[in-house]
Amino acid sequence: MLNINPESNNLIDEDMLPEYDFTEGVRGKHYQDYRQGHTVTIHQEDGTTIVQHYDLTEGSIIIDPDIREYFPNAEAVNHALRTLINLVPRTIPSPKS
């Protein structure tokens, strides 16, 4: 028998099956570890293993958890930053003589 949280029915997401219950999940749980990079071990059928280390890719930005509460996804972050950029006056610094 499936253990389905009845409160999860309030969140309608057509891509998620009802048995996927993330209500106990902790956002940002692996945040600090991910900043340090992560290692993936691939076990081949022939018994050998391949170990690969991944670092944050160029251009990746990790947002602190207290700020992340305000942004549900990357699109929201980009929208907020573009709005902020539009508020900043574009001035060209004059050369000092």
C-alpha atoms as a PDB file:
ATOM      1  CA  MET A   1       0.000   0.000   0.000  1.00  0.00           C
ATOM      2  CA  LEU A   2       1.257   3.455  -0.866  1.00  0.00           C
ATOM      3  CA  ASN A   3       1.805   6.008   1.860  1.00  0.00           C
ATOM      4  CA  ILE A   4       0.374   9.163   0.291  1.00  0.00           C
ATOM      5  CA  ASN A   5       0.189  12.428   2.185  1.00  0.00           C
ATOM      6  CA  PRO A   6      -3.333  13.879   1.701  1.00  0.00           C
ATOM      7  CA  GLU A   7      -1.960  17.425   2.045  1.00  0.00           C
ATOM      8  CA  SER A   8       0.212  16.876  -1.029  1.00  0.00           C
ATOM      9  CA  ASN A   9      -2.932  16.871  -3.174  1.00  0.00           C
ATOM     10  CA  ASN A  10      -3.076  20.649  -2.701  1.00  0.00           C
ATOM     11  CA  LEU A  11       0.066  20.959  -4.813  1.00  0.00           C
ATOM     12  CA  ILE A  12      -1.002  20.147  -8.337  1.00  0.00           C
ATOM     13  CA  ASP A  13       1.893  19.207 -10.562  1.00  0.00           C
ATOM     14  CA  GLU A  14       1.000  17.059 -13.529  1.00  0.00           C
ATOM     15  CA  ASP A  15       4.556  15.706 -13.813  1.00  0.00           C
ATOM     16  CA  MET A  16       4.639  14.361 -10.252  1.00  0.00           C
ATOM     17  CA  LEU A  17       2.990  11.112  -9.273  1.00  0.00           C
ATOM     18  CA  PRO A  18       0.970  11.205  -6.037  1.00  0.00           C
ATOM     19  CA  GLU A  19       3.307   8.762  -4.292  1.00  0.00           C
ATOM     20  CA  TYR A  20       6.180  11.272  -4.511  1.00  0.00           C
ATOM     21  CA  ASP A  21       5.890  13.013  -1.159  1.00  0.00           C
ATOM     22  CA  PHE A  22       8.498  15.699  -0.567  1.00  0.00           C
ATOM     23  CA  THR A  23       6.744  17.366   2.378  1.00  0.00           C
ATOM     24  CA  GLU A  24       9.476  16.073   4.709  1.00  0.00           C
ATOM     25  CA  GLY A  25      12.222  17.361   2.399  1.00  0.00           C
ATOM     26  CA  VAL A  26      14.716  19.952   3.551  1.00  0.00           C
ATOM     27  CA  ARG A  27      15.536  22.648   1.023  1.00  0.00           C
ATOM     28  CA  GLY A  28      19.237  23.404   0.853  1.00  0.00           C
ATOM     29  CA  LYS A  29      20.209  20.285   2.803  1.00  0.00           C
ATOM     30  CA  HIS A  30      23.267  19.638   0.620  1.00  0.00           C
ATOM     31  CA  TYR A  31      23.999  23.297  -0.137  1.00  0.00           C
ATOM     32  CA  GLN A  32      27.414  23.562   1.557  1.00  0.00           C
ATOM     33  CA  ASP A  33      28.605  20.205   0.225  1.00  0.00           C
ATOM     34  CA  TYR A  34      27.587  21.098  -3.324  1.00  0.00           C
ATOM     35  CA  ARG A  35      29.596  24.313  -3.175  1.00  0.00           C
ATOM     36  CA  GLN A  36      32.707  22.189  -2.620  1.00  0.00           C
ATOM     37  CA  GLY A  37      31.976  20.067  -5.694  1.00  0.00           C
ATOM     38  CA  HIS A  38      30.932  16.454  -5.746  1.00  0.00           C
ATOM     39  CA  THR A  39      32.311  13.100  -6.781  1.00  0.00           C
ATOM     40  CA  VAL A  40      30.391  10.532  -8.818  1.00  0.00           C
ATOM     41  CA  THR A  41      31.462   6.893  -8.893  1.00  0.00           C
ATOM     42  CA  ILE A  42      30.218   4.884 -11.877  1.00  0.00           C
ATOM     43  CA  HIS A  43      30.286   1.106 -11.489  1.00  0.00           C
ATOM     44  CA  GLN A  44      30.738  -0.588 -14.862  1.00  0.00           C
ATOM     45  CA  GLU A  45      29.283  -4.007 -15.725  1.00  0.00           C
ATOM     46  CA  ASP A  46      32.804  -5.432 -16.063  1.00  0.00           C
ATOM     47  CA  GLY A  47      33.542  -4.614 -12.412  1.00  0.00           C
ATOM     48  CA  THR A  48      35.639  -1.514 -13.023  1.00  0.00           C
ATOM     49  CA  THR A  49      34.744   1.884 -11.641  1.00  0.00           C
ATOM     50  CA  ILE A  50      35.112   5.380 -13.004  1.00  0.00           C
ATOM     51  CA  VAL A  51      35.407   8.251 -10.532  1.00  0.00           C
ATOM     52  CA  GLN A  52      34.660  11.771 -11.738  1.00  0.00           C
ATOM     53  CA  HIS A  53      34.804  14.980  -9.710  1.00  0.00           C
ATOM     54  CA  TYR A  54      32.504  17.846 -10.633  1.00  0.00           C
ATOM     55  CA  ASP A  55      32.939  21.466  -9.603  1.00  0.00           C
ATOM     56  CA  LEU A  56      30.468  24.260 -10.116  1.00  0.00           C
ATOM     57  CA  THR A  57      30.459  25.198 -13.778  1.00  0.00           C
ATOM     58  CA  GLU A  58      31.503  28.639 -14.928  1.00  0.00           C
ATOM     59  CA  GLY A  59      28.622  31.015 -14.439  1.00  0.00           C
ATOM     60  CA  SER A  60      26.952  28.949 -11.715  1.00  0.00           C
ATOM     61  CA  ILE A  61      25.862  30.920  -8.718  1.00  0.00           C
ATOM     62  CA  ILE A  62      24.784  29.502  -5.385  1.00  0.00           C
ATOM     63  CA  ILE A  63      22.248  31.659  -3.579  1.00  0.00           C
ATOM     64  CA  ASP A  64      22.234  31.654   0.214  1.00  0.00           C
ATOM     65  CA  PRO A  65      19.263  29.846   1.780  1.00  0.00           C
ATOM     66  CA  ASP A  66      17.767  32.980   3.378  1.00  0.00           C
ATOM     67  CA  ILE A  67      17.609  34.694  -0.024  1.00  0.00           C
ATOM     68  CA  ARG A  68      16.454  31.564  -1.847  1.00  0.00           C
ATOM     69  CA  GLU A  69      13.216  31.639   0.208  1.00  0.00           C
ATOM     70  CA  TYR A  70      12.074  34.534  -1.981  1.00  0.00           C
ATOM     71  CA  PHE A  71      12.818  32.920  -5.341  1.00  0.00           C
ATOM     72  CA  PRO A  72      11.183  29.652  -6.431  1.00  0.00           C
ATOM     73  CA  ASN A  73      13.403  29.181  -9.506  1.00  0.00           C
ATOM     74  CA  ALA A  74      16.138  30.656 -11.704  1.00  0.00           C
ATOM     75  CA  GLU A  75      13.605  32.566 -13.799  1.00  0.00           C
ATOM     76  CA  ALA A  76      12.440  34.487 -10.713  1.00  0.00           C
ATOM     77  CA  VAL A  77      16.038  35.343  -9.779  1.00  0.00           C
ATOM     78  CA  ASN A  78      16.824  36.557 -13.287  1.00  0.00           C
ATOM     79  CA  HIS A  79      13.633  38.648 -13.400  1.00  0.00           C
ATOM     80  CA  ALA A  80      14.479  40.316 -10.077  1.00  0.00           C
ATOM     81  CA  LEU A  81      18.043  41.049 -11.149  1.00  0.00           C
ATOM     82  CA  ARG A  82      16.933  42.499 -14.489  1.00  0.00           C
ATOM     83  CA  THR A  83      14.465  44.731 -12.637  1.00  0.00           C
ATOM     84  CA  LEU A  84      17.239  45.878 -10.312  1.00  0.00           C
ATOM     85  CA  ILE A  85      19.558  46.557 -13.250  1.00  0.00           C
ATOM     86  CA  ASN A  86      16.890  48.795 -14.810  1.00  0.00           C
ATOM     87  CA  LEU A  87      16.732  50.832 -11.587  1.00  0.00           C
ATOM     88  CA  VAL A  88      20.466  51.529 -11.524  1.00  0.00           C
ATOM     89  CA  PRO A  89      21.371  54.652 -13.500  1.00  0.00           C
ATOM     90  CA  ARG A  90      23.768  53.982 -16.317  1.00  0.00           C
ATOM     91  CA  THR A  91      26.504  56.524 -15.963  1.00  0.00           C
ATOM     92  CA  ILE A  92      29.843  56.505 -17.644  1.00  0.00           C
ATOM     93  CA  PRO A  93      32.583  57.474 -15.216  1.00  0.00           C
ATOM     94  CA  SER A  94      34.476  60.520 -16.420  1.00  0.00           C
ATOM     95  CA  PRO A  95      38.229  60.106 -16.822  1.00  0.00           C
ATOM     96  CA  LYS A  96      40.235  61.714 -14.046  1.00  0.00           C
ATOM     97  CA  SER A  97      42.606  64.443 -15.221  1.00  0.00           C
END
